[in-house]
Amino acid sequence: MNEYYIESGVHRAIAFRENGILLIPAMLFMPGSSPRQIWVRLEQLHSYRVTVSRSDPRHAYPQLEQALGTAPGRMRVPMIHLQPLGLPGQPPTIPLDQVVIVA
């Protein structure tokens, strides 16, 4: 099974996780190729963040989690951007299921 680095969208991935949605659409960016949409399981994702905050106003996490809990809300949220895990320049990561939500 392929594993992926979350380039953009850790908060969205966590909101999917908290809503029990395990298979999500994402955009895959591979060197030398055009971006393409794929479906990934959350267990394939790795995050550079070890925590996400419920109270950070930049991410409006409570509203994001609520929006991703409904089909219409999921359609309005941008897709998560991914890279194959292990490309040069990626920071250290942890599996998405180890990312902790803090107050």
PDB file of N, CA and C in Angstrom:
ATOM      1  N   MET A   1       0.857  -1.179   0.000  1.00  0.00           N
ATOM      2  CA  MET A   1       0.000   0.000   0.000  1.00  0.00           C
ATOM      3  C   MET A   1       0.904   1.243   0.000  1.00  0.00           C
ATOM      4  N   ASN A   2       0.621   2.192  -0.877  1.00  0.00           N
ATOM      5  CA  ASN A   2       1.388   3.428  -0.959  1.00  0.00           C
ATOM      6  C   ASN A   2       1.117   4.299   0.260  1.00  0.00           C
ATOM      7  N   GLU A   3       2.123   5.071   0.648  1.00  0.00           N
ATOM      8  CA  GLU A   3       1.976   6.012   1.743  1.00  0.00           C
ATOM      9  C   GLU A   3       2.274   7.405   1.216  1.00  0.00           C
ATOM     10  N   TYR A   4       1.627   8.414   1.837  1.00  0.00           N
ATOM     11  CA  TYR A   4       1.690   9.772   1.322  1.00  0.00           C
ATOM     12  C   TYR A   4       1.966  10.788   2.422  1.00  0.00           C
ATOM     13  N   TYR A   5       2.673  11.829   2.034  1.00  0.00           N
ATOM     14  CA  TYR A   5       2.963  12.987   2.877  1.00  0.00           C
ATOM     15  C   TYR A   5       1.883  14.037   2.609  1.00  0.00           C
ATOM     16  N   ILE A   6       1.285  14.572   3.649  1.00  0.00           N
ATOM     17  CA  ILE A   6       0.274  15.618   3.473  1.00  0.00           C
ATOM     18  C   ILE A   6       0.996  16.947   3.281  1.00  0.00           C
ATOM     19  N   GLU A   7       0.976  17.437   2.063  1.00  0.00           N
ATOM     20  CA  GLU A   7       1.588  18.717   1.716  1.00  0.00           C
ATOM     21  C   GLU A   7       0.732  19.867   2.231  1.00  0.00           C
ATOM     22  N   SER A   8      -0.573  19.717   2.104  1.00  0.00           N
ATOM     23  CA  SER A   8      -1.526  20.738   2.522  1.00  0.00           C
ATOM     24  C   SER A   8      -2.824  20.050   2.924  1.00  0.00           C
ATOM     25  N   GLY A   9      -3.286  20.338   4.162  1.00  0.00           N
ATOM     26  CA  GLY A   9      -4.583  19.793   4.552  1.00  0.00           C
ATOM     27  C   GLY A   9      -4.577  18.893   5.773  1.00  0.00           C
ATOM     28  N   VAL A  10      -3.607  19.054   6.668  1.00  0.00           N
ATOM     29  CA  VAL A  10      -3.578  18.208   7.861  1.00  0.00           C
ATOM     30  C   VAL A  10      -4.852  18.391   8.685  1.00  0.00           C
ATOM     31  N   HIS A  11      -5.286  19.643   8.874  1.00  0.00           N
ATOM     32  CA  HIS A  11      -6.512  19.886   9.646  1.00  0.00           C
ATOM     33  C   HIS A  11      -7.721  19.216   8.984  1.00  0.00           C
ATOM     34  N   ARG A  12      -7.789  19.287   7.657  1.00  0.00           N
ATOM     35  CA  ARG A  12      -8.900  18.630   6.950  1.00  0.00           C
ATOM     36  C   ARG A  12      -8.834  17.120   7.137  1.00  0.00           C
ATOM     37  N   ALA A  13      -7.636  16.555   7.048  1.00  0.00           N
ATOM     38  CA  ALA A  13      -7.488  15.103   7.227  1.00  0.00           C
ATOM     39  C   ALA A  13      -7.925  14.690   8.632  1.00  0.00           C
ATOM     40  N   ILE A  14      -7.565  15.479   9.634  1.00  0.00           N
ATOM     41  CA  ILE A  14      -7.969  15.169  11.004  1.00  0.00           C
ATOM     42  C   ILE A  14      -9.483  15.292  11.149  1.00  0.00           C
ATOM     43  N   ALA A  15     -10.077  16.296  10.530  1.00  0.00           N
ATOM     44  CA  ALA A  15     -11.540  16.458  10.588  1.00  0.00           C
ATOM     45  C   ALA A  15     -12.237  15.269   9.925  1.00  0.00           C
ATOM     46  N   PHE A  16     -11.690  14.769   8.820  1.00  0.00           N
ATOM     47  CA  PHE A  16     -12.241  13.544   8.218  1.00  0.00           C
ATOM     48  C   PHE A  16     -12.147  12.391   9.215  1.00  0.00           C
ATOM     49  N   ARG A  17     -10.971  12.250   9.820  1.00  0.00           N
ATOM     50  CA  ARG A  17     -10.755  11.169  10.787  1.00  0.00           C
ATOM     51  C   ARG A  17     -11.776  11.246  11.923  1.00  0.00           C
ATOM     52  N   GLU A  18     -11.987  12.431  12.467  1.00  0.00           N
ATOM     53  CA  GLU A  18     -12.896  12.592  13.595  1.00  0.00           C
ATOM     54  C   GLU A  18     -14.350  12.344  13.201  1.00  0.00           C
ATOM     55  N   ASN A  19     -14.666  12.468  11.931  1.00  0.00           N
ATOM     56  CA  ASN A  19     -16.011  12.174  11.434  1.00  0.00           C
ATOM     57  C   ASN A  19     -16.162  10.721  11.004  1.00  0.00           C
ATOM     58  N   GLY A  20     -15.120   9.929  11.161  1.00  0.00           N
ATOM     59  CA  GLY A  20     -15.199   8.515  10.809  1.00  0.00           C
ATOM     60  C   GLY A  20     -15.149   8.234   9.324  1.00  0.00           C
ATOM     61  N   ILE A  21     -14.688   9.190   8.538  1.00  0.00           N
ATOM     62  CA  ILE A  21     -14.589   9.012   7.086  1.00  0.00           C
ATOM     63  C   ILE A  21     -13.167   8.535   6.792  1.00  0.00           C
ATOM     64  N   LEU A  22     -13.041   7.343   6.276  1.00  0.00           N
ATOM     65  CA  LEU A  22     -11.732   6.722   6.139  1.00  0.00           C
ATOM     66  C   LEU A  22     -11.170   6.725   4.732  1.00  0.00           C
ATOM     67  N   LEU A  23     -12.003   6.952   3.724  1.00  0.00           N
ATOM     68  CA  LEU A  23     -11.565   6.976   2.330  1.00  0.00           C
ATOM     69  C   LEU A  23     -11.919   8.343   1.762  1.00  0.00           C
ATOM     70  N   ILE A  24     -10.910   9.076   1.289  1.00  0.00           N
ATOM     71  CA  ILE A  24     -11.147  10.452   0.848  1.00  0.00           C
ATOM     72  C   ILE A  24     -10.494  10.720  -0.506  1.00  0.00           C
ATOM     73  N   PRO A  25     -11.036  11.700  -1.248  1.00  0.00           N
ATOM     74  CA  PRO A  25     -10.371  12.130  -2.475  1.00  0.00           C
ATOM     75  C   PRO A  25      -9.239  13.088  -2.114  1.00  0.00           C
ATOM     76  N   ALA A  26      -8.179  13.074  -2.911  1.00  0.00           N
ATOM     77  CA  ALA A  26      -7.048  13.968  -2.691  1.00  0.00           C
ATOM     78  C   ALA A  26      -6.358  14.224  -4.026  1.00  0.00           C
ATOM     79  N   MET A  27      -5.560  15.285  -4.057  1.00  0.00           N
ATOM     80  CA  MET A  27      -4.746  15.579  -5.236  1.00  0.00           C
ATOM     81  C   MET A  27      -3.328  15.126  -4.966  1.00  0.00           C
ATOM     82  N   LEU A  28      -2.798  14.292  -5.866  1.00  0.00           N
ATOM     83  CA  LEU A  28      -1.449  13.778  -5.735  1.00  0.00           C
ATOM     84  C   LEU A  28      -0.523  14.566  -6.650  1.00  0.00           C
ATOM     85  N   PHE A  29       0.552  15.096  -6.058  1.00  0.00           N
ATOM     86  CA  PHE A  29       1.563  15.848  -6.791  1.00  0.00           C
ATOM     87  C   PHE A  29       2.839  15.011  -6.808  1.00  0.00           C
ATOM     88  N   MET A  30       3.211  14.576  -8.023  1.00  0.00           N
ATOM     89  CA  MET A  30       4.422  13.767  -8.191  1.00  0.00           C
ATOM     90  C   MET A  30       5.396  14.528  -9.084  1.00  0.00           C
ATOM     91  N   PRO A  31       6.675  14.523  -8.734  1.00  0.00           N
ATOM     92  CA  PRO A  31       7.655  15.220  -9.574  1.00  0.00           C
ATOM     93  C   PRO A  31       7.604  14.721 -11.019  1.00  0.00           C
ATOM     94  N   GLY A  32       7.582  15.665 -11.942  1.00  0.00           N
ATOM     95  CA  GLY A  32       7.590  15.315 -13.354  1.00  0.00           C
ATOM     96  C   GLY A  32       6.254  14.904 -13.930  1.00  0.00           C
ATOM     97  N   SER A  33       5.195  14.945 -13.127  1.00  0.00           N
ATOM     98  CA  SER A  33       3.860  14.550 -13.598  1.00  0.00           C
ATOM     99  C   SER A  33       2.850  15.635 -13.275  1.00  0.00           C
ATOM    100  N   SER A  34       1.761  15.635 -14.007  1.00  0.00           N
ATOM    101  CA  SER A  34       0.658  16.536 -13.705  1.00  0.00           C
ATOM    102  C   SER A  34      -0.063  16.047 -12.451  1.00  0.00           C
ATOM    103  N   PRO A  35      -0.600  16.960 -11.636  1.00  0.00           N
ATOM    104  CA  PRO A  35      -1.376  16.524 -10.472  1.00  0.00           C
ATOM    105  C   PRO A  35      -2.550  15.660 -10.922  1.00  0.00           C
ATOM    106  N   ARG A  36      -2.908  14.689 -10.083  1.00  0.00           N
ATOM    107  CA  ARG A  36      -4.069  13.869 -10.422  1.00  0.00           C
ATOM    108  C   ARG A  36      -4.839  13.535  -9.153  1.00  0.00           C
ATOM    109  N   GLN A  37      -6.148  13.373  -9.330  1.00  0.00           N
ATOM    110  CA  GLN A  37      -7.001  13.025  -8.202  1.00  0.00           C
ATOM    111  C   GLN A  37      -6.904  11.533  -7.932  1.00  0.00           C
ATOM    112  N   ILE A  38      -6.775  11.200  -6.652  1.00  0.00           N
ATOM    113  CA  ILE A  38      -6.760   9.801  -6.231  1.00  0.00           C
ATOM    114  C   ILE A  38      -7.671   9.653  -5.015  1.00  0.00           C
ATOM    115  N   TRP A  39      -7.976   8.423  -4.672  1.00  0.00           N
ATOM    116  CA  TRP A  39      -8.695   8.106  -3.446  1.00  0.00           C
ATOM    117  C   TRP A  39      -7.705   7.440  -2.509  1.00  0.00           C
ATOM    118  N   VAL A  40      -7.649   7.912  -1.277  1.00  0.00           N
ATOM    119  CA  VAL A  40      -6.713   7.351  -0.306  1.00  0.00           C
ATOM    120  C   VAL A  40      -7.428   7.020   0.993  1.00  0.00           C
ATOM    121  N   ARG A  41      -6.887   6.052   1.686  1.00  0.00           N
ATOM    122  CA  ARG A  41      -7.350   5.725   3.028  1.00  0.00           C
ATOM    123  C   ARG A  41      -6.537   6.577   4.000  1.00  0.00           C
ATOM    124  N   LEU A  42      -7.174   7.058   5.057  1.00  0.00           N
ATOM    125  CA  LEU A  42      -6.471   7.896   6.019  1.00  0.00           C
ATOM    126  C   LEU A  42      -5.249   7.195   6.604  1.00  0.00           C
ATOM    127  N   GLU A  43      -5.282   5.879   6.687  1.00  0.00           N
ATOM    128  CA  GLU A  43      -4.145   5.133   7.243  1.00  0.00           C
ATOM    129  C   GLU A  43      -2.905   5.221   6.348  1.00  0.00           C
ATOM    130  N   GLN A  44      -3.052   5.713   5.117  1.00  0.00           N
ATOM    131  CA  GLN A  44      -1.925   5.876   4.204  1.00  0.00           C
ATOM    132  C   GLN A  44      -1.230   7.223   4.381  1.00  0.00           C
ATOM    133  N   LEU A  45      -1.797   8.117   5.193  1.00  0.00           N
ATOM    134  CA  LEU A  45      -1.314   9.491   5.281  1.00  0.00           C
ATOM    135  C   LEU A  45      -0.373   9.722   6.449  1.00  0.00           C
ATOM    136  N   HIS A  46       0.593  10.604   6.204  1.00  0.00           N
ATOM    137  CA  HIS A  46       1.575  10.996   7.215  1.00  0.00           C
ATOM    138  C   HIS A  46       1.614  12.521   7.298  1.00  0.00           C
ATOM    139  N   SER A  47       1.726  13.020   8.528  1.00  0.00           N
ATOM    140  CA  SER A  47       1.656  14.456   8.792  1.00  0.00           C
ATOM    141  C   SER A  47       2.975  14.983   9.343  1.00  0.00           C
ATOM    142  N   TYR A  48       3.310  16.205   8.956  1.00  0.00           N
ATOM    143  CA  TYR A  48       4.448  16.893   9.547  1.00  0.00           C
ATOM    144  C   TYR A  48       4.051  17.523  10.879  1.00  0.00           C
ATOM    145  N   ARG A  49       2.755  17.630  11.151  1.00  0.00           N
ATOM    146  CA  ARG A  49       2.269  18.181  12.417  1.00  0.00           C
ATOM    147  C   ARG A  49       2.041  17.039  13.401  1.00  0.00           C
ATOM    148  N   VAL A  50       2.393  17.274  14.662  1.00  0.00           N
ATOM    149  CA  VAL A  50       2.112  16.277  15.687  1.00  0.00           C
ATOM    150  C   VAL A  50       0.826  16.615  16.432  1.00  0.00           C
ATOM    151  N   THR A  51       0.387  17.882  16.325  1.00  0.00           N
ATOM    152  CA  THR A  51      -0.877  18.313  16.938  1.00  0.00           C
ATOM    153  C   THR A  51      -1.608  19.254  15.987  1.00  0.00           C
ATOM    154  N   VAL A  52      -2.920  19.347  16.159  1.00  0.00           N
ATOM    155  CA  VAL A  52      -3.727  20.396  15.548  1.00  0.00           C
ATOM    156  C   VAL A  52      -4.549  21.020  16.672  1.00  0.00           C
ATOM    157  N   SER A  53      -4.830  22.300  16.537  1.00  0.00           N
ATOM    158  CA  SER A  53      -5.519  23.030  17.590  1.00  0.00           C
ATOM    159  C   SER A  53      -6.978  23.288  17.242  1.00  0.00           C
ATOM    160  N   ARG A  54      -7.840  23.024  18.203  1.00  0.00           N
ATOM    161  CA  ARG A  54      -9.260  23.368  18.032  1.00  0.00           C
ATOM    162  C   ARG A  54      -9.476  24.877  18.084  1.00  0.00           C
ATOM    163  N   SER A  55      -8.580  25.599  18.757  1.00  0.00           N
ATOM    164  CA  SER A  55      -8.832  27.022  19.017  1.00  0.00           C
ATOM    165  C   SER A  55      -8.081  27.976  18.092  1.00  0.00           C
ATOM    166  N   ASP A  56      -7.276  27.478  17.173  1.00  0.00           N
ATOM    167  CA  ASP A  56      -6.548  28.353  16.248  1.00  0.00           C
ATOM    168  C   ASP A  56      -7.536  28.958  15.253  1.00  0.00           C
ATOM    169  N   PRO A  57      -7.750  30.295  15.315  1.00  0.00           N
ATOM    170  CA  PRO A  57      -8.759  30.911  14.434  1.00  0.00           C
ATOM    171  C   PRO A  57      -8.424  30.816  12.940  1.00  0.00           C
ATOM    172  N   ARG A  58      -7.145  30.631  12.592  1.00  0.00           N
ATOM    173  CA  ARG A  58      -6.787  30.510  11.169  1.00  0.00           C
ATOM    174  C   ARG A  58      -7.416  29.295  10.519  1.00  0.00           C
ATOM    175  N   HIS A  59      -7.589  28.241  11.273  1.00  0.00           N
ATOM    176  CA  HIS A  59      -8.108  27.002  10.697  1.00  0.00           C
ATOM    177  C   HIS A  59      -9.575  26.758  10.999  1.00  0.00           C
ATOM    178  N   ALA A  60     -10.149  27.483  11.946  1.00  0.00           N
ATOM    179  CA  ALA A  60     -11.573  27.319  12.296  1.00  0.00           C
ATOM    180  C   ALA A  60     -11.922  25.834  12.379  1.00  0.00           C
ATOM    181  N   TYR A  61     -11.118  25.101  13.148  1.00  0.00           N
ATOM    182  CA  TYR A  61     -11.255  23.647  13.179  1.00  0.00           C
ATOM    183  C   TYR A  61     -12.662  23.157  13.545  1.00  0.00           C
ATOM    184  N   PRO A  62     -13.316  23.697  14.576  1.00  0.00           N
ATOM    185  CA  PRO A  62     -14.661  23.171  14.897  1.00  0.00           C
ATOM    186  C   PRO A  62     -15.635  23.270  13.715  1.00  0.00           C
ATOM    187  N   GLN A  63     -15.585  24.380  12.976  1.00  0.00           N
ATOM    188  CA  GLN A  63     -16.461  24.537  11.818  1.00  0.00           C
ATOM    189  C   GLN A  63     -16.059  23.584  10.696  1.00  0.00           C
ATOM    190  N   LEU A  64     -14.755  23.386  10.539  1.00  0.00           N
ATOM    191  CA  LEU A  64     -14.267  22.456   9.517  1.00  0.00           C
ATOM    192  C   LEU A  64     -14.749  21.044   9.819  1.00  0.00           C
ATOM    193  N   GLU A  65     -14.611  20.620  11.067  1.00  0.00           N
ATOM    194  CA  GLU A  65     -15.055  19.277  11.437  1.00  0.00           C
ATOM    195  C   GLU A  65     -16.559  19.121  11.220  1.00  0.00           C
ATOM    196  N   GLN A  66     -17.313  20.161  11.551  1.00  0.00           N
ATOM    197  CA  GLN A  66     -18.763  20.113  11.345  1.00  0.00           C
ATOM    198  C   GLN A  66     -19.093  20.039   9.852  1.00  0.00           C
ATOM    199  N   ALA A  67     -18.425  20.832   9.026  1.00  0.00           N
ATOM    200  CA  ALA A  67     -18.684  20.828   7.583  1.00  0.00           C
ATOM    201  C   ALA A  67     -18.366  19.477   6.959  1.00  0.00           C
ATOM    202  N   LEU A  68     -17.260  18.870   7.377  1.00  0.00           N
ATOM    203  CA  LEU A  68     -16.870  17.587   6.790  1.00  0.00           C
ATOM    204  C   LEU A  68     -17.724  16.428   7.284  1.00  0.00           C
ATOM    205  N   GLY A  69     -18.613  16.694   8.218  1.00  0.00           N
ATOM    206  CA  GLY A  69     -19.543  15.687   8.699  1.00  0.00           C
ATOM    207  C   GLY A  69     -20.763  15.520   7.817  1.00  0.00           C
ATOM    208  N   THR A  70     -20.894  16.360   6.783  1.00  0.00           N
ATOM    209  CA  THR A  70     -22.042  16.274   5.869  1.00  0.00           C
ATOM    210  C   THR A  70     -21.546  16.183   4.430  1.00  0.00           C
ATOM    211  N   ALA A  71     -22.303  15.511   3.589  1.00  0.00           N
ATOM    212  CA  ALA A  71     -21.928  15.395   2.169  1.00  0.00           C
ATOM    213  C   ALA A  71     -21.843  16.765   1.496  1.00  0.00           C
ATOM    214  N   PRO A  72     -22.836  17.677   1.678  1.00  0.00           N
ATOM    215  CA  PRO A  72     -22.704  19.001   1.057  1.00  0.00           C
ATOM    216  C   PRO A  72     -21.476  19.757   1.563  1.00  0.00           C
ATOM    217  N   GLY A  73     -21.178  19.622   2.847  1.00  0.00           N
ATOM    218  CA  GLY A  73     -20.011  20.294   3.409  1.00  0.00           C
ATOM    219  C   GLY A  73     -18.717  19.762   2.818  1.00  0.00           C
ATOM    220  N   ARG A  74     -18.636  18.456   2.606  1.00  0.00           N
ATOM    221  CA  ARG A  74     -17.431  17.857   2.012  1.00  0.00           C
ATOM    222  C   ARG A  74     -17.204  18.360   0.596  1.00  0.00           C
ATOM    223  N   MET A  75     -18.260  18.666  -0.110  1.00  0.00           N
ATOM    224  CA  MET A  75     -18.123  19.145  -1.491  1.00  0.00           C
ATOM    225  C   MET A  75     -17.554  20.568  -1.541  1.00  0.00           C
ATOM    226  N   ARG A  76     -17.711  21.334  -0.462  1.00  0.00           N
ATOM    227  CA  ARG A  76     -17.250  22.722  -0.447  1.00  0.00           C
ATOM    228  C   ARG A  76     -15.808  22.880   0.032  1.00  0.00           C
ATOM    229  N   VAL A  77     -15.254  21.852   0.638  1.00  0.00           N
ATOM    230  CA  VAL A  77     -13.914  21.939   1.214  1.00  0.00           C
ATOM    231  C   VAL A  77     -12.879  21.504   0.171  1.00  0.00           C
ATOM    232  N   PRO A  78     -11.801  22.274   0.011  1.00  0.00           N
ATOM    233  CA  PRO A  78     -10.772  21.884  -0.965  1.00  0.00           C
ATOM    234  C   PRO A  78     -10.159  20.525  -0.643  1.00  0.00           C
ATOM    235  N   MET A  79      -9.690  19.854  -1.669  1.00  0.00           N
ATOM    236  CA  MET A  79      -9.052  18.555  -1.488  1.00  0.00           C
ATOM    237  C   MET A  79      -7.713  18.710  -0.788  1.00  0.00           C
ATOM    238  N   ILE A  80      -7.325  17.660  -0.103  1.00  0.00           N
ATOM    239  CA  ILE A  80      -6.014  17.575   0.524  1.00  0.00           C
ATOM    240  C   ILE A  80      -4.979  17.357  -0.578  1.00  0.00           C
ATOM    241  N   HIS A  81      -3.806  17.991  -0.427  1.00  0.00           N
ATOM    242  CA  HIS A  81      -2.717  17.832  -1.395  1.00  0.00           C
ATOM    243  C   HIS A  81      -1.681  16.897  -0.811  1.00  0.00           C
ATOM    244  N   LEU A  82      -1.278  15.912  -1.615  1.00  0.00           N
ATOM    245  CA  LEU A  82      -0.353  14.882  -1.170  1.00  0.00           C
ATOM    246  C   LEU A  82       0.865  14.788  -2.073  1.00  0.00           C
ATOM    247  N   GLN A  83       1.926  14.220  -1.504  1.00  0.00           N
ATOM    248  CA  GLN A  83       3.116  13.822  -2.244  1.00  0.00           C
ATOM    249  C   GLN A  83       3.427  12.382  -1.837  1.00  0.00           C
ATOM    250  N   PRO A  84       4.107  11.640  -2.680  1.00  0.00           N
ATOM    251  CA  PRO A  84       4.567  10.330  -2.223  1.00  0.00           C
ATOM    252  C   PRO A  84       5.459  10.532  -0.981  1.00  0.00           C
ATOM    253  N   LEU A  85       5.320   9.706   0.005  1.00  0.00           N
ATOM    254  CA  LEU A  85       6.119   9.822   1.219  1.00  0.00           C
ATOM    255  C   LEU A  85       7.578   9.491   0.917  1.00  0.00           C
ATOM    256  N   GLY A  86       8.476  10.325   1.448  1.00  0.00           N
ATOM    257  CA  GLY A  86       9.907  10.053   1.322  1.00  0.00           C
ATOM    258  C   GLY A  86      10.630  10.863   0.271  1.00  0.00           C
ATOM    259  N   LEU A  87       9.937  11.806  -0.376  1.00  0.00           N
ATOM    260  CA  LEU A  87      10.634  12.636  -1.364  1.00  0.00           C
ATOM    261  C   LEU A  87      11.625  13.560  -0.658  1.00  0.00           C
ATOM    262  N   PRO A  88      12.710  13.937  -1.339  1.00  0.00           N
ATOM    263  CA  PRO A  88      13.682  14.856  -0.743  1.00  0.00           C
ATOM    264  C   PRO A  88      13.004  16.165  -0.322  1.00  0.00           C
ATOM    265  N   GLY A  89      13.432  16.687   0.824  1.00  0.00           N
ATOM    266  CA  GLY A  89      12.925  17.968   1.302  1.00  0.00           C
ATOM    267  C   GLY A  89      11.731  17.876   2.231  1.00  0.00           C
ATOM    268  N   GLN A  90      11.126  16.714   2.377  1.00  0.00           N
ATOM    269  CA  GLN A  90      10.000  16.572   3.295  1.00  0.00           C
ATOM    270  C   GLN A  90      10.528  16.553   4.729  1.00  0.00           C
ATOM    271  N   PRO A  91       9.807  17.223   5.642  1.00  0.00           N
ATOM    272  CA  PRO A  91      10.222  17.175   7.045  1.00  0.00           C
ATOM    273  C   PRO A  91       9.868  15.818   7.654  1.00  0.00           C
ATOM    274  N   PRO A  92      10.324  15.549   8.867  1.00  0.00           N
ATOM    275  CA  PRO A  92       9.929  14.309   9.550  1.00  0.00           C
ATOM    276  C   PRO A  92       8.405  14.258   9.698  1.00  0.00           C
ATOM    277  N   THR A  93       7.853  13.055   9.662  1.00  0.00           N
ATOM    278  CA  THR A  93       6.398  12.898   9.730  1.00  0.00           C
ATOM    279  C   THR A  93       6.022  11.818  10.736  1.00  0.00           C
ATOM    280  N   ILE A  94       4.733  11.815  11.069  1.00  0.00           N
ATOM    281  CA  ILE A  94       4.150  10.739  11.862  1.00  0.00           C
ATOM    282  C   ILE A  94       2.891  10.267  11.152  1.00  0.00           C
ATOM    283  N   PRO A  95       2.461   9.039  11.396  1.00  0.00           N
ATOM    284  CA  PRO A  95       1.194   8.583  10.813  1.00  0.00           C
ATOM    285  C   PRO A  95       0.042   9.468  11.296  1.00  0.00           C
ATOM    286  N   LEU A  96      -0.917   9.709  10.421  1.00  0.00           N
ATOM    287  CA  LEU A  96      -2.025  10.604  10.739  1.00  0.00           C
ATOM    288  C   LEU A  96      -2.774  10.172  11.997  1.00  0.00           C
ATOM    289  N   ASP A  97      -2.880   8.875  12.245  1.00  0.00           N
ATOM    290  CA  ASP A  97      -3.625   8.427  13.423  1.00  0.00           C
ATOM    291  C   ASP A  97      -2.924   8.789  14.735  1.00  0.00           C
ATOM    292  N   GLN A  98      -1.675   9.257  14.677  1.00  0.00           N
ATOM    293  CA  GLN A  98      -0.956   9.680  15.874  1.00  0.00           C
ATOM    294  C   GLN A  98      -1.036  11.178  16.126  1.00  0.00           C
ATOM    295  N   VAL A  99      -1.611  11.936  15.194  1.00  0.00           N
ATOM    296  CA  VAL A  99      -1.754  13.382  15.382  1.00  0.00           C
ATOM    297  C   VAL A  99      -2.818  13.618  16.447  1.00  0.00           C
ATOM    298  N   VAL A 100      -2.513  14.478  17.414  1.00  0.00           N
ATOM    299  CA  VAL A 100      -3.370  14.739  18.550  1.00  0.00           C
ATOM    300  C   VAL A 100      -4.070  16.100  18.384  1.00  0.00           C
ATOM    301  N   ILE A 101      -5.342  16.145  18.764  1.00  0.00           N
ATOM    302  CA  ILE A 101      -6.085  17.413  18.763  1.00  0.00           C
ATOM    303  C   ILE A 101      -5.925  18.033  20.152  1.00  0.00           C
ATOM    304  N   VAL A 102      -5.495  19.291  20.178  1.00  0.00           N
ATOM    305  CA  VAL A 102      -5.331  20.007  21.445  1.00  0.00           C
ATOM    306  C   VAL A 102      -6.324  21.172  21.506  1.00  0.00           C
ATOM    307  N   ALA A 103      -6.544  21.677  22.716  1.00  0.00           N
ATOM    308  CA  ALA A 103      -7.526  22.769  22.917  1.00  0.00           C
ATOM    309  C   ALA A 103      -7.120  24.040  22.268  1.00  0.00           C
TER     310      ALA A 103
END
